[in-house]
C-alpha atoms as a PDB file:
ATOM      1  CA  MET A   1      -7.539   2.876  -8.907  1.00  0.00           C
ATOM      2  CA  ARG A   2      -5.214   0.018  -7.987  1.00  0.00           C
ATOM      3  CA  ALA A   3      -5.460  -3.045 -10.239  1.00  0.00           C
ATOM      4  CA  ASN A   4      -6.801  -6.121  -8.463  1.00  0.00           C
ATOM      5  CA  SER A   5      -7.960  -8.427 -11.258  1.00  0.00           C
ATOM      6  CA  ILE A   6      -7.532  -9.266 -14.924  1.00  0.00           C
ATOM      7  CA  GLU A   7     -10.207 -10.069 -17.499  1.00  0.00           C
ATOM      8  CA  ILE A   8      -9.172 -11.614 -20.799  1.00  0.00           C
ATOM      9  CA  ALA A   9     -11.345 -11.445 -23.907  1.00  0.00           C
ATOM     10  CA  THR A  10     -12.043 -14.810 -25.526  1.00  0.00           C
ATOM     11  CA  GLU A  11     -10.329 -13.701 -28.754  1.00  0.00           C
ATOM     12  CA  ALA A  12      -7.164 -12.664 -26.897  1.00  0.00           C
ATOM     13  CA  CYS A  13      -7.088 -15.936 -24.961  1.00  0.00           C
ATOM     14  CA  ALA A  14      -7.551 -17.968 -28.155  1.00  0.00           C
ATOM     15  CA  ALA A  15      -4.771 -15.993 -29.873  1.00  0.00           C
ATOM     16  CA  MET A  16      -2.308 -16.741 -27.054  1.00  0.00           C
ATOM     17  CA  MET A  17      -3.202 -20.444 -27.098  1.00  0.00           C
ATOM     18  CA  ARG A  18      -2.647 -20.557 -30.866  1.00  0.00           C
ATOM     19  CA  LEU A  19       0.571 -18.515 -30.804  1.00  0.00           C
ATOM     20  CA  ALA A  20       2.023 -20.402 -27.800  1.00  0.00           C
ATOM     21  CA  TYR A  21       2.096 -23.581 -29.914  1.00  0.00           C
ATOM     22  CA  GLU A  22       5.183 -22.129 -31.579  1.00  0.00           C
ATOM     23  CA  SER A  23       7.070 -22.967 -28.356  1.00  0.00           C
ATOM     24  CA  SER A  24       6.805 -26.672 -29.181  1.00  0.00           C
ATOM     25  CA  ASP A  25      10.259 -26.041 -30.709  1.00  0.00           C
ATOM     26  CA  GLY A  26      11.581 -25.445 -27.160  1.00  0.00           C
ATOM     27  CA  LEU A  27      12.012 -21.672 -27.554  1.00  0.00           C
ATOM     28  CA  GLU A  28      10.074 -18.923 -25.785  1.00  0.00           C
ATOM     29  CA  THR A  29       7.660 -16.751 -27.718  1.00  0.00           C
ATOM     30  CA  GLY A  30       5.207 -14.018 -26.762  1.00  0.00           C
ATOM     31  CA  GLY A  31       3.822 -10.596 -27.517  1.00  0.00           C
ATOM     32  CA  ILE A  32       2.210  -7.497 -26.101  1.00  0.00           C
ATOM     33  CA  LEU A  33      -1.195  -7.259 -24.424  1.00  0.00           C
ATOM     34  CA  LEU A  34      -3.516  -4.411 -25.363  1.00  0.00           C
ATOM     35  CA  GLY A  35      -6.639  -3.322 -23.557  1.00  0.00           C
ATOM     36  CA  ARG A  36      -7.619  -0.855 -20.861  1.00  0.00           C
ATOM     37  CA  GLY A  37      -7.682  -0.292 -17.158  1.00  0.00           C
ATOM     38  CA  PRO A  38      -7.597  -0.523 -14.338  1.00  0.00           C
ATOM     39  CA  ASP A  39     -11.204   0.632 -14.357  1.00  0.00           C
ATOM     40  CA  GLY A  40     -13.223   1.844 -11.366  1.00  0.00           C
ATOM     41  CA  ARG A  41     -13.445  -1.735 -10.071  1.00  0.00           C
ATOM     42  CA  GLY A  42      -9.680  -2.265 -10.393  1.00  0.00           C
ATOM     43  CA  VAL A  43     -10.038  -4.546 -13.432  1.00  0.00           C
ATOM     44  CA  ILE A  44      -7.525  -4.568 -16.275  1.00  0.00           C
ATOM     45  CA  SER A  45      -9.243  -5.813 -19.448  1.00  0.00           C
ATOM     46  CA  ILE A  46      -7.140  -7.523 -22.098  1.00  0.00           C
ATOM     47  CA  GLU A  47      -8.689  -7.252 -25.544  1.00  0.00           C
ATOM     48  CA  ILE A  48      -5.782  -8.128 -27.865  1.00  0.00           C
ATOM     49  CA  ALA A  49      -2.818 -10.486 -27.533  1.00  0.00           C
ATOM     50  CA  GLY A  50      -0.208  -9.575 -30.121  1.00  0.00           C
ATOM     51  CA  GLU A  51       2.134 -11.921 -31.952  1.00  0.00           C
ATOM     52  CA  ARG A  52       5.908 -11.726 -31.478  1.00  0.00           C
ATOM     53  CA  GLY A  53       6.835  -9.993 -34.731  1.00  0.00           C
ATOM     54  CA  PRO A  54       9.411 -11.039 -37.327  1.00  0.00           C
ATOM     55  CA  ARG A  55      12.461  -9.596 -35.522  1.00  0.00           C
ATOM     56  CA  ALA A  56      11.726 -11.016 -32.064  1.00  0.00           C
ATOM     57  CA  GLU A  57      14.568 -12.768 -30.267  1.00  0.00           C
ATOM     58  CA  ARG A  58      13.676 -16.289 -29.122  1.00  0.00           C
ATOM     59  CA  ARG A  59      15.780 -18.583 -26.939  1.00  0.00           C
ATOM     60  CA  ALA A  60      15.032 -21.501 -24.621  1.00  0.00           C
ATOM     61  CA  ASP A  61      15.091 -19.209 -21.589  1.00  0.00           C
ATOM     62  CA  TYR A  62      14.517 -15.745 -23.052  1.00  0.00           C
ATOM     63  CA  PHE A  63      12.136 -13.799 -25.254  1.00  0.00           C
ATOM     64  CA  LEU A  64      12.420 -10.236 -26.527  1.00  0.00           C
ATOM     65  CA  ARG A  65       9.529  -8.852 -28.579  1.00  0.00           C
ATOM     66  CA  ASP A  66      10.033  -7.104 -31.900  1.00  0.00           C
ATOM     67  CA  LEU A  67       9.707  -3.506 -30.693  1.00  0.00           C
ATOM     68  CA  GLU A  68       8.804  -2.025 -34.087  1.00  0.00           C
ATOM     69  CA  HIS A  69       6.100  -4.655 -34.584  1.00  0.00           C
ATOM     70  CA  ALA A  70       4.748  -4.092 -31.055  1.00  0.00           C
ATOM     71  CA  GLN A  71       4.591  -0.329 -31.653  1.00  0.00           C
ATOM     72  CA  MET A  72       2.662  -0.912 -34.892  1.00  0.00           C
ATOM     73  CA  LEU A  73       0.173  -3.215 -33.116  1.00  0.00           C
ATOM     74  CA  ALA A  74      -0.281  -0.665 -30.320  1.00  0.00           C
ATOM     75  CA  ALA A  75      -0.829   2.212 -32.773  1.00  0.00           C
ATOM     76  CA  THR A  76      -3.411   0.197 -34.725  1.00  0.00           C
ATOM     77  CA  ALA A  77      -5.251  -0.824 -31.541  1.00  0.00           C
ATOM     78  CA  TRP A  78      -5.317   2.787 -30.361  1.00  0.00           C
ATOM     79  CA  GLU A  79      -6.758   3.993 -33.665  1.00  0.00           C
ATOM     80  CA  ARG A  80      -9.431   1.266 -33.765  1.00  0.00           C
ATOM     81  CA  SER A  81     -10.611   1.136 -30.153  1.00  0.00           C
ATOM     82  CA  ARG A  82      -8.396   3.335 -27.968  1.00  0.00           C
ATOM     83  CA  ALA A  83      -6.836   0.171 -26.484  1.00  0.00           C
ATOM     84  CA  VAL A  84      -3.439   0.730 -24.838  1.00  0.00           C
ATOM     85  CA  TRP A  85      -0.448  -1.404 -23.852  1.00  0.00           C
ATOM     86  CA  VAL A  86      -1.309  -3.079 -20.515  1.00  0.00           C
ATOM     87  CA  GLY A  87       1.233  -5.900 -20.403  1.00  0.00           C
ATOM     88  CA  GLU A  88       2.921  -8.793 -22.117  1.00  0.00           C
ATOM     89  CA  TRP A  89       2.475 -12.528 -22.509  1.00  0.00           C
ATOM     90  CA  HIS A  90       5.166 -15.107 -23.142  1.00  0.00           C
ATOM     91  CA  THR A  91       5.896 -18.801 -22.799  1.00  0.00           C
ATOM     92  CA  HIS A  92       8.173 -20.775 -20.515  1.00  0.00           C
ATOM     93  CA  PRO A  93       8.800 -24.074 -22.358  1.00  0.00           C
ATOM     94  CA  LYS A  94      10.583 -25.415 -19.261  1.00  0.00           C
ATOM     95  CA  GLY A  95      10.210 -24.458 -15.637  1.00  0.00           C
ATOM     96  CA  PRO A  96       7.434 -22.756 -13.713  1.00  0.00           C
ATOM     97  CA  ALA A  97       4.880 -20.315 -15.096  1.00  0.00           C
ATOM     98  CA  GLU A  98       6.119 -17.487 -12.913  1.00  0.00           C
ATOM     99  CA  PRO A  99       8.297 -14.477 -13.721  1.00  0.00           C
ATOM    100  CA  SER A 100      12.007 -15.279 -13.966  1.00  0.00           C
ATOM    101  CA  THR A 101      14.678 -12.961 -12.592  1.00  0.00           C
ATOM    102  CA  SER A 102      15.118 -11.608 -16.136  1.00  0.00           C
ATOM    103  CA  ASP A 103      11.352 -11.092 -16.489  1.00  0.00           C
ATOM    104  CA  LEU A 104      11.239  -9.185 -13.185  1.00  0.00           C
ATOM    105  CA  ALA A 105      14.113  -6.925 -14.279  1.00  0.00           C
ATOM    106  CA  THR A 106      12.252  -6.118 -17.518  1.00  0.00           C
ATOM    107  CA  TYR A 107       9.016  -5.362 -15.651  1.00  0.00           C
ATOM    108  CA  ARG A 108      10.864  -3.184 -13.123  1.00  0.00           C
ATOM    109  CA  ASN A 109      12.319  -1.127 -16.004  1.00  0.00           C
ATOM    110  CA  LEU A 110       8.944  -0.781 -17.734  1.00  0.00           C
ATOM    111  CA  LEU A 111       7.155   0.246 -14.537  1.00  0.00           C
ATOM    112  CA  GLY A 112       9.929   2.682 -13.646  1.00  0.00           C
ATOM    113  CA  SER A 113       9.827   4.447 -17.021  1.00  0.00           C
ATOM    114  CA  ALA A 114       8.472   7.990 -16.658  1.00  0.00           C
ATOM    115  CA  GLU A 115       7.657   7.987 -20.373  1.00  0.00           C
ATOM    116  CA  LEU A 116       5.463   4.852 -20.227  1.00  0.00           C
ATOM    117  CA  GLN A 117       3.610   5.873 -17.036  1.00  0.00           C
ATOM    118  CA  PHE A 118       2.518   2.358 -16.040  1.00  0.00           C
ATOM    119  CA  GLU A 119       0.816   2.084 -12.654  1.00  0.00           C
ATOM    120  CA  SER A 120       0.334  -1.674 -13.063  1.00  0.00           C
ATOM    121  CA  PHE A 121       1.624  -4.164 -15.603  1.00  0.00           C
ATOM    122  CA  VAL A 122       0.107  -7.535 -16.551  1.00  0.00           C
ATOM    123  CA  SER A 123       2.284 -10.566 -17.225  1.00  0.00           C
ATOM    124  CA  LEU A 124       0.718 -13.749 -18.576  1.00  0.00           C
ATOM    125  CA  ILE A 125       3.060 -16.733 -18.659  1.00  0.00           C
ATOM    126  CA  LEU A 126       2.145 -19.934 -20.482  1.00  0.00           C
ATOM    127  CA  ARG A 127       3.758 -23.337 -20.080  1.00  0.00           C
ATOM    128  CA  PRO A 128       2.931 -26.691 -21.664  1.00  0.00           C
ATOM    129  CA  ASP A 129       0.444 -29.080 -20.069  1.00  0.00           C
ATOM    130  CA  GLU A 130       1.916 -32.445 -19.008  1.00  0.00           C
ATOM    131  CA  GLN A 131      -0.458 -34.422 -21.267  1.00  0.00           C
ATOM    132  CA  LEU A 132      -1.671 -31.963 -23.913  1.00  0.00           C
ATOM    133  CA  ALA A 133       1.616 -30.035 -24.201  1.00  0.00           C
ATOM    134  CA  TRP A 134       1.131 -26.826 -26.202  1.00  0.00           C
ATOM    135  CA  ARG A 135      -2.365 -27.810 -27.379  1.00  0.00           C
ATOM    136  CA  ARG A 136      -3.658 -26.634 -23.981  1.00  0.00           C
ATOM    137  CA  PRO A 137      -0.971 -24.677 -22.133  1.00  0.00           C
ATOM    138  CA  HIS A 138      -1.364 -23.557 -18.540  1.00  0.00           C
ATOM    139  CA  MET A 139      -1.625 -19.791 -18.115  1.00  0.00           C
ATOM    140  CA  SER A 140      -0.437 -17.965 -15.014  1.00  0.00           C
ATOM    141  CA  ARG A 141      -1.587 -14.372 -14.460  1.00  0.00           C
ATOM    142  CA  TRP A 142       0.579 -11.807 -12.676  1.00  0.00           C
ATOM    143  CA  LEU A 143      -0.055  -8.177 -11.717  1.00  0.00           C
ATOM    144  CA  LEU A 144       3.085  -6.126 -11.177  1.00  0.00           C
ATOM    145  CA  GLU A 145       3.563  -2.685  -9.695  1.00  0.00           C
ATOM    146  CA  LEU A 146       6.192  -0.527  -8.017  1.00  0.00           C
ATOM    147  CA  ALA A 147       4.520  -0.334  -4.628  1.00  0.00           C
ATOM    148  CA  ALA A 148       4.127  -2.085  -1.325  1.00  0.00           C
ATOM    149  CA  SER A 149       1.746  -5.026  -1.608  1.00  0.00           C
ATOM    150  CA  PRO A 150       0.753  -7.954   0.619  1.00  0.00           C
ATOM    151  CA  ASP A 151       2.209 -10.342  -2.002  1.00  0.00           C
ATOM    152  CA  VAL A 152       5.363  -8.788  -3.379  1.00  0.00           C
ATOM    153  CA  ALA A 153       8.542  -9.857  -5.048  1.00  0.00           C
ATOM    154  CA  GLU A 154      11.143 -10.746  -2.479  1.00  0.00           C
ATOM    155  CA  PRO A 155      14.215  -8.471  -2.404  1.00  0.00           C
ATOM    156  CA  THR A 156      16.095 -11.117  -4.425  1.00  0.00           C
ATOM    157  CA  GLY A 157      13.638 -10.576  -7.293  1.00  0.00           C
ATOM    158  CA  ARG A 158      11.961 -13.979  -6.987  1.00  0.00           C
ATOM    159  CA  ALA A 159       8.186 -13.648  -7.240  1.00  0.00           C
ATOM    160  CA  SER A 160       6.136 -14.983  -4.363  1.00  0.00           C
ATOM    161  CA  ARG A 161       3.191 -17.201  -5.341  1.00  0.00           C
ATOM    162  CA  SER A 162       1.060 -16.900  -2.245  1.00  0.00           C
ATOM    163  CA  ALA A 163       3.109 -16.455   0.903  1.00  0.00           C
ATOM    164  CA  PRO A 164       3.242 -12.784   1.866  1.00  0.00           C
ATOM    165  CA  ALA A 165       6.684 -11.210   1.894  1.00  0.00           C
ATOM    166  CA  ALA A 166       7.806  -8.038   3.621  1.00  0.00           C
ATOM    167  CA  PRO A 167       6.425  -4.837   2.085  1.00  0.00           C
ATOM    168  CA  ALA A 168       8.374  -3.631  -0.922  1.00  0.00           C
ATOM    169  CA  ALA A 169      10.852  -0.821  -0.425  1.00  0.00           C
ATOM    170  CA  ASP A 170      10.456   2.303  -2.565  1.00  0.00           C
ATOM    171  CA  GLY A 171      11.132   1.292  -6.153  1.00  0.00           C
ATOM    172  CA  ALA A 172      10.875  -2.439  -5.371  1.00  0.00           C
ATOM    173  CA  LEU A 173       8.762  -4.569  -7.655  1.00  0.00           C
ATOM    174  CA  GLY A 174       5.566  -6.102  -6.291  1.00  0.00           C
ATOM    175  CA  ALA A 175       4.409  -9.236  -8.127  1.00  0.00           C
ATOM    176  CA  ARG A 176       1.132 -10.849  -7.127  1.00  0.00           C
ATOM    177  CA  ARG A 177      -1.311 -13.323  -8.570  1.00  0.00           C
ATOM    178  CA  PRO A 178      -4.844 -11.989  -8.748  1.00  0.00           C
ATOM    179  CA  PRO A 179      -7.733 -14.305  -7.814  1.00  0.00           C
ATOM    180  CA  GLU A 180      -8.404 -16.814 -10.597  1.00  0.00           C
ATOM    181  CA  ALA A 181     -12.199 -16.539 -10.394  1.00  0.00           C
ATOM    182  CA  GLY A 182     -12.783 -20.063 -11.633  1.00  0.00           C
ATOM    183  CA  GLY A 183      -9.664 -20.230 -13.816  1.00  0.00           C
ATOM    184  CA  LEU A 184      -9.195 -19.333 -17.438  1.00  0.00           C
ATOM    185  CA  LEU A 185     -11.203 -21.200 -20.008  1.00  0.00           C
ATOM    186  CA  CYS A 186      -9.443 -21.106 -23.334  1.00  0.00           C
ATOM    187  CA  PRO A 187      -9.946 -23.323 -26.347  1.00  0.00           C
ATOM    188  CA  VAL A 188      -7.694 -26.291 -27.034  1.00  0.00           C
ATOM    189  CA  HIS A 189      -5.384 -25.520 -29.953  1.00  0.00           C
ATOM    190  CA  ARG A 190      -5.436 -28.104 -32.725  1.00  0.00           C
ATOM    191  CA  PRO A 191      -2.454 -27.583 -35.061  1.00  0.00           C
END
């Protein structure tokens, strides 16, 4: 089943809001997303939003998760609830809440990995609110896949927000925003 929407558990949403506050230092942060899907309705459910891990690389325009830490989180989630790696979340302290060229290259590699066997990949990107900053960041949801899609990444790698682009060539990365269904309601973080 092709993924067409994302559901985020309240606990996972709250964790991302809390962890995103770390980006008030101007550096990106993030972590893996664990859950399941797509189910028979095409829904990917996110149950757990992991923290970055102690060896993560953080820069103003780049984030790389701590792989060992992510693997430990994934193994624990599998043992407890059979949750699997469905995507990643990270912050963009400056600029739009859409995948960067570097993000798209990472997603293309993950989706193209025969070992990982992703059909779809979720990317959640958080950026600070103009008034509340990191106490209530904006979250942008993206579904990515290596397939033709009505809303795909342009050949340059720039993700299209809503205007349809030409169908993706074999191996091209499709990036689309699923319907918001009323938006995401997450708690305000109070440091």
